[in-house]
Amino acid sequence: MLNEDQRNFRRMQINAKATLTTLEPIADEQYDALCVDLSATGLSLQLDDLLEIGTIVKVKIDSTSPTIAPLDAIAKVIRASKEDDGTITAGLEIMSFN
């Protein structure tokens, strides 16, 4: 069932610190980001640098609970933009979970 914005999965607002490490096309560049929301297939981030569309990254989001595993995934940048207020955002599609 699709929700109101035609997504297959609902997004959870999480506002959690994320660490990105690029894998392709250039490996081992690191970025700190704020994960704004997360779904089963993707996530939205705010960060200080504009990422290239198509960049493959490893995403790590630590858990705040010892009973919940941290998020560790490989994702592809499918959207990146600088907003009118200067905020840089990116949309990533999760390719696999580690």
N, C-alpha and C. Protein backbone atom coordinates (compact mmCIF):
# COMPACT_ATOMS: atom_id res chain seq x y z
N MET A 1 0.84 -1.18 0.00
CA MET A 1 0.00 0.00 0.00
C MET A 1 0.88 1.24 0.00
N LEU A 2 0.56 2.20 -0.86
CA LEU A 2 1.32 3.43 -0.96
C LEU A 2 0.76 4.46 0.01
N ASN A 3 1.65 5.20 0.66
CA ASN A 3 1.17 6.26 1.53
C ASN A 3 0.96 7.53 0.69
N GLU A 4 0.64 8.64 1.36
CA GLU A 4 0.22 9.84 0.66
C GLU A 4 1.24 10.40 -0.32
N ASP A 5 2.54 10.17 -0.16
CA ASP A 5 3.50 10.71 -1.12
C ASP A 5 3.99 9.64 -2.10
N GLN A 6 3.22 8.56 -2.24
CA GLN A 6 3.46 7.51 -3.23
C GLN A 6 4.71 6.68 -2.98
N ARG A 7 5.18 6.63 -1.77
CA ARG A 7 6.32 5.77 -1.42
C ARG A 7 5.78 4.40 -1.02
N ASN A 8 6.58 3.37 -1.28
CA ASN A 8 6.17 2.02 -0.91
C ASN A 8 6.31 1.75 0.58
N PHE A 9 7.16 2.50 1.26
CA PHE A 9 7.40 2.29 2.68
C PHE A 9 7.33 3.62 3.40
N ARG A 10 6.77 3.60 4.60
CA ARG A 10 6.71 4.82 5.41
C ARG A 10 8.11 5.22 5.86
N ARG A 11 8.31 6.50 6.00
CA ARG A 11 9.58 7.02 6.49
C ARG A 11 9.45 7.37 7.96
N MET A 12 10.50 7.02 8.72
CA MET A 12 10.56 7.37 10.13
C MET A 12 11.46 8.59 10.29
N GLN A 13 11.00 9.58 11.00
CA GLN A 13 11.82 10.75 11.31
C GLN A 13 12.75 10.35 12.44
N ILE A 14 14.09 10.39 12.19
CA ILE A 14 14.99 9.92 13.24
C ILE A 14 16.00 10.96 13.71
N ASN A 15 16.44 11.86 12.85
CA ASN A 15 17.40 12.90 13.23
C ASN A 15 18.58 12.34 14.02
N ALA A 16 19.31 11.43 13.39
CA ALA A 16 20.45 10.76 14.04
C ALA A 16 21.74 11.06 13.28
N LYS A 17 22.85 11.11 14.01
CA LYS A 17 24.15 11.30 13.38
C LYS A 17 24.50 10.09 12.53
N ALA A 18 25.02 10.36 11.33
CA ALA A 18 25.44 9.30 10.42
C ALA A 18 26.86 9.58 9.94
N THR A 19 27.58 8.52 9.66
CA THR A 19 28.91 8.62 9.07
C THR A 19 28.87 7.94 7.72
N LEU A 20 29.34 8.65 6.69
CA LEU A 20 29.38 8.10 5.34
C LEU A 20 30.83 7.91 4.94
N THR A 21 31.13 6.78 4.30
CA THR A 21 32.44 6.53 3.73
C THR A 21 32.23 6.14 2.27
N THR A 22 32.83 6.90 1.37
CA THR A 22 32.63 6.61 -0.05
C THR A 22 33.34 5.32 -0.46
N LEU A 23 32.69 4.59 -1.36
CA LEU A 23 33.26 3.37 -1.92
C LEU A 23 33.57 3.56 -3.40
N GLU A 24 32.66 4.24 -4.13
CA GLU A 24 32.83 4.50 -5.56
C GLU A 24 32.28 5.88 -5.86
N PRO A 25 32.79 6.64 -6.76
CA PRO A 25 33.92 6.35 -7.63
C PRO A 25 35.26 6.54 -6.94
N ILE A 26 35.30 7.33 -5.86
CA ILE A 26 36.55 7.53 -5.10
C ILE A 26 36.33 6.92 -3.72
N ALA A 27 37.26 6.06 -3.30
CA ALA A 27 37.10 5.36 -2.03
C ALA A 27 37.67 6.15 -0.86
N ASP A 28 37.08 5.90 0.31
CA ASP A 28 37.59 6.34 1.60
C ASP A 28 37.47 7.83 1.91
N GLU A 29 36.59 8.56 1.25
CA GLU A 29 36.30 9.92 1.68
C GLU A 29 35.24 9.80 2.77
N GLN A 30 35.38 10.57 3.85
CA GLN A 30 34.44 10.47 4.97
C GLN A 30 33.64 11.75 5.13
N TYR A 31 32.37 11.58 5.47
CA TYR A 31 31.46 12.70 5.69
C TYR A 31 30.63 12.44 6.94
N ASP A 32 30.42 13.48 7.71
CA ASP A 32 29.48 13.43 8.82
C ASP A 32 28.18 14.02 8.31
N ALA A 33 27.07 13.42 8.72
CA ALA A 33 25.76 13.87 8.24
C ALA A 33 24.73 13.70 9.35
N LEU A 34 23.57 14.27 9.11
CA LEU A 34 22.42 14.07 9.97
C LEU A 34 21.39 13.31 9.16
N CYS A 35 21.05 12.12 9.60
CA CYS A 35 20.01 11.34 8.93
C CYS A 35 18.67 11.89 9.41
N VAL A 36 17.94 12.49 8.49
CA VAL A 36 16.68 13.14 8.82
C VAL A 36 15.56 12.11 8.88
N ASP A 37 15.52 11.23 7.89
CA ASP A 37 14.51 10.17 7.93
C ASP A 37 15.04 8.91 7.26
N LEU A 38 14.34 7.80 7.55
CA LEU A 38 14.80 6.48 7.15
C LEU A 38 13.59 5.62 6.81
N SER A 39 13.71 4.83 5.74
CA SER A 39 12.68 3.84 5.42
C SER A 39 13.38 2.53 5.14
N ALA A 40 12.63 1.53 4.75
CA ALA A 40 13.20 0.21 4.46
C ALA A 40 14.11 0.24 3.24
N THR A 41 13.94 1.23 2.37
CA THR A 41 14.71 1.26 1.13
C THR A 41 15.57 2.49 0.94
N GLY A 42 15.51 3.46 1.86
CA GLY A 42 16.31 4.66 1.66
C GLY A 42 16.36 5.56 2.87
N LEU A 43 17.11 6.66 2.70
CA LEU A 43 17.24 7.62 3.77
C LEU A 43 17.52 9.00 3.20
N SER A 44 17.20 10.01 3.97
CA SER A 44 17.49 11.40 3.62
C SER A 44 18.48 11.96 4.61
N LEU A 45 19.43 12.73 4.10
CA LEU A 45 20.50 13.28 4.93
C LEU A 45 20.64 14.77 4.75
N GLN A 46 21.16 15.43 5.77
CA GLN A 46 21.65 16.80 5.67
C GLN A 46 23.14 16.72 5.95
N LEU A 47 23.95 17.39 5.15
CA LEU A 47 25.39 17.35 5.34
C LEU A 47 26.03 18.65 4.87
N ASP A 48 27.33 18.76 5.06
CA ASP A 48 28.05 19.99 4.73
C ASP A 48 28.57 20.03 3.30
N ASP A 49 28.61 18.87 2.64
CA ASP A 49 29.16 18.79 1.29
C ASP A 49 28.14 18.19 0.33
N LEU A 50 28.16 18.67 -0.90
CA LEU A 50 27.27 18.17 -1.92
C LEU A 50 27.87 16.90 -2.52
N LEU A 51 27.15 15.79 -2.42
CA LEU A 51 27.61 14.52 -2.97
C LEU A 51 27.18 14.38 -4.42
N GLU A 52 28.00 13.71 -5.21
CA GLU A 52 27.67 13.45 -6.62
C GLU A 52 26.59 12.36 -6.71
N ILE A 53 25.63 12.56 -7.57
CA ILE A 53 24.63 11.52 -7.82
C ILE A 53 25.34 10.31 -8.40
N GLY A 54 24.99 9.14 -7.90
CA GLY A 54 25.61 7.89 -8.32
C GLY A 54 26.73 7.42 -7.40
N THR A 55 27.16 8.27 -6.47
CA THR A 55 28.21 7.88 -5.53
C THR A 55 27.69 6.74 -4.64
N ILE A 56 28.53 5.73 -4.43
CA ILE A 56 28.20 4.61 -3.55
C ILE A 56 28.91 4.85 -2.23
N VAL A 57 28.16 4.74 -1.13
CA VAL A 57 28.71 5.01 0.20
C VAL A 57 28.34 3.90 1.18
N LYS A 58 29.17 3.76 2.20
CA LYS A 58 28.83 2.93 3.35
C LYS A 58 28.25 3.88 4.38
N VAL A 59 27.08 3.56 4.90
CA VAL A 59 26.39 4.40 5.88
C VAL A 59 26.40 3.69 7.22
N LYS A 60 26.81 4.41 8.26
CA LYS A 60 26.77 3.88 9.62
C LYS A 60 26.01 4.86 10.49
N ILE A 61 25.02 4.33 11.20
CA ILE A 61 24.27 5.11 12.18
C ILE A 61 24.28 4.31 13.47
N ASP A 62 24.92 4.85 14.49
CA ASP A 62 24.98 4.16 15.78
C ASP A 62 23.61 4.14 16.44
N SER A 63 23.39 3.10 17.20
CA SER A 63 22.14 2.96 17.95
C SER A 63 22.29 3.63 19.31
N THR A 64 21.20 4.14 19.81
CA THR A 64 21.22 4.73 21.15
C THR A 64 20.81 3.70 22.20
N SER A 65 20.51 2.48 21.76
CA SER A 65 20.09 1.42 22.67
C SER A 65 20.96 0.18 22.50
N PRO A 66 21.38 -0.44 23.59
CA PRO A 66 22.20 -1.65 23.47
C PRO A 66 21.42 -2.83 22.89
N THR A 67 20.10 -2.75 22.87
CA THR A 67 19.30 -3.85 22.35
C THR A 67 18.98 -3.71 20.86
N ILE A 68 19.36 -2.57 20.27
CA ILE A 68 19.11 -2.34 18.84
C ILE A 68 20.45 -2.20 18.13
N ALA A 69 20.63 -3.00 17.09
CA ALA A 69 21.89 -2.98 16.35
C ALA A 69 22.02 -1.67 15.57
N PRO A 70 23.25 -1.19 15.37
CA PRO A 70 23.44 0.02 14.56
C PRO A 70 23.10 -0.27 13.10
N LEU A 71 22.77 0.77 12.36
CA LEU A 71 22.52 0.61 10.94
C LEU A 71 23.87 0.62 10.23
N ASP A 72 24.09 -0.37 9.38
CA ASP A 72 25.32 -0.49 8.61
C ASP A 72 24.88 -0.94 7.22
N ALA A 73 24.96 -0.04 6.25
CA ALA A 73 24.42 -0.33 4.92
C ALA A 73 25.28 0.27 3.82
N ILE A 74 25.08 -0.26 2.63
CA ILE A 74 25.67 0.30 1.42
C ILE A 74 24.52 1.00 0.68
N ALA A 75 24.76 2.24 0.27
CA ALA A 75 23.69 3.02 -0.37
C ALA A 75 24.25 3.83 -1.54
N LYS A 76 23.34 4.22 -2.43
CA LYS A 76 23.68 5.00 -3.62
C LYS A 76 22.99 6.34 -3.55
N VAL A 77 23.72 7.41 -3.83
CA VAL A 77 23.15 8.75 -3.85
C VAL A 77 22.27 8.88 -5.10
N ILE A 78 20.98 9.13 -4.88
CA ILE A 78 20.06 9.28 -6.01
C ILE A 78 19.53 10.70 -6.16
N ARG A 79 19.77 11.52 -5.12
CA ARG A 79 19.35 12.91 -5.16
C ARG A 79 20.30 13.71 -4.30
N ALA A 80 20.71 14.87 -4.77
CA ALA A 80 21.57 15.76 -3.98
C ALA A 80 21.30 17.19 -4.42
N SER A 81 21.12 18.07 -3.43
CA SER A 81 20.82 19.46 -3.79
C SER A 81 21.19 20.41 -2.66
N LYS A 82 21.39 21.66 -3.06
CA LYS A 82 21.59 22.73 -2.10
C LYS A 82 20.29 23.52 -2.08
N GLU A 83 19.68 23.61 -0.92
CA GLU A 83 18.38 24.26 -0.79
C GLU A 83 18.54 25.78 -0.74
N ASP A 84 17.45 26.50 -0.88
CA ASP A 84 17.47 27.97 -0.86
C ASP A 84 18.05 28.53 0.43
N ASP A 85 17.86 27.80 1.54
CA ASP A 85 18.38 28.27 2.83
C ASP A 85 19.84 27.89 3.06
N GLY A 86 20.48 27.25 2.04
CA GLY A 86 21.88 26.86 2.14
C GLY A 86 22.10 25.44 2.63
N THR A 87 21.04 24.79 3.10
CA THR A 87 21.14 23.42 3.57
C THR A 87 21.44 22.49 2.39
N ILE A 88 22.36 21.56 2.60
CA ILE A 88 22.67 20.56 1.58
C ILE A 88 21.99 19.26 1.98
N THR A 89 21.20 18.70 1.07
CA THR A 89 20.49 17.46 1.35
C THR A 89 20.84 16.40 0.32
N ALA A 90 20.66 15.16 0.71
CA ALA A 90 20.89 14.04 -0.18
C ALA A 90 19.87 12.95 0.11
N GLY A 91 19.45 12.29 -0.94
CA GLY A 91 18.58 11.13 -0.82
C GLY A 91 19.36 9.91 -1.26
N LEU A 92 19.37 8.88 -0.44
CA LEU A 92 20.13 7.67 -0.74
C LEU A 92 19.19 6.47 -0.83
N GLU A 93 19.49 5.60 -1.77
CA GLU A 93 18.77 4.34 -1.92
C GLU A 93 19.63 3.24 -1.30
N ILE A 94 19.07 2.49 -0.37
CA ILE A 94 19.81 1.42 0.29
C ILE A 94 19.93 0.25 -0.69
N MET A 95 21.17 -0.17 -0.93
CA MET A 95 21.43 -1.28 -1.85
C MET A 95 21.55 -2.60 -1.09
N SER A 96 22.16 -2.55 0.11
CA SER A 96 22.30 -3.76 0.93
C SER A 96 22.59 -3.38 2.36
N PHE A 97 22.25 -4.28 3.26
CA PHE A 97 22.56 -4.12 4.68
C PHE A 97 23.72 -5.04 5.01
N ASN A 98 24.65 -4.57 5.83
CA ASN A 98 25.80 -5.39 6.22
C ASN A 98 25.54 -6.07 7.55
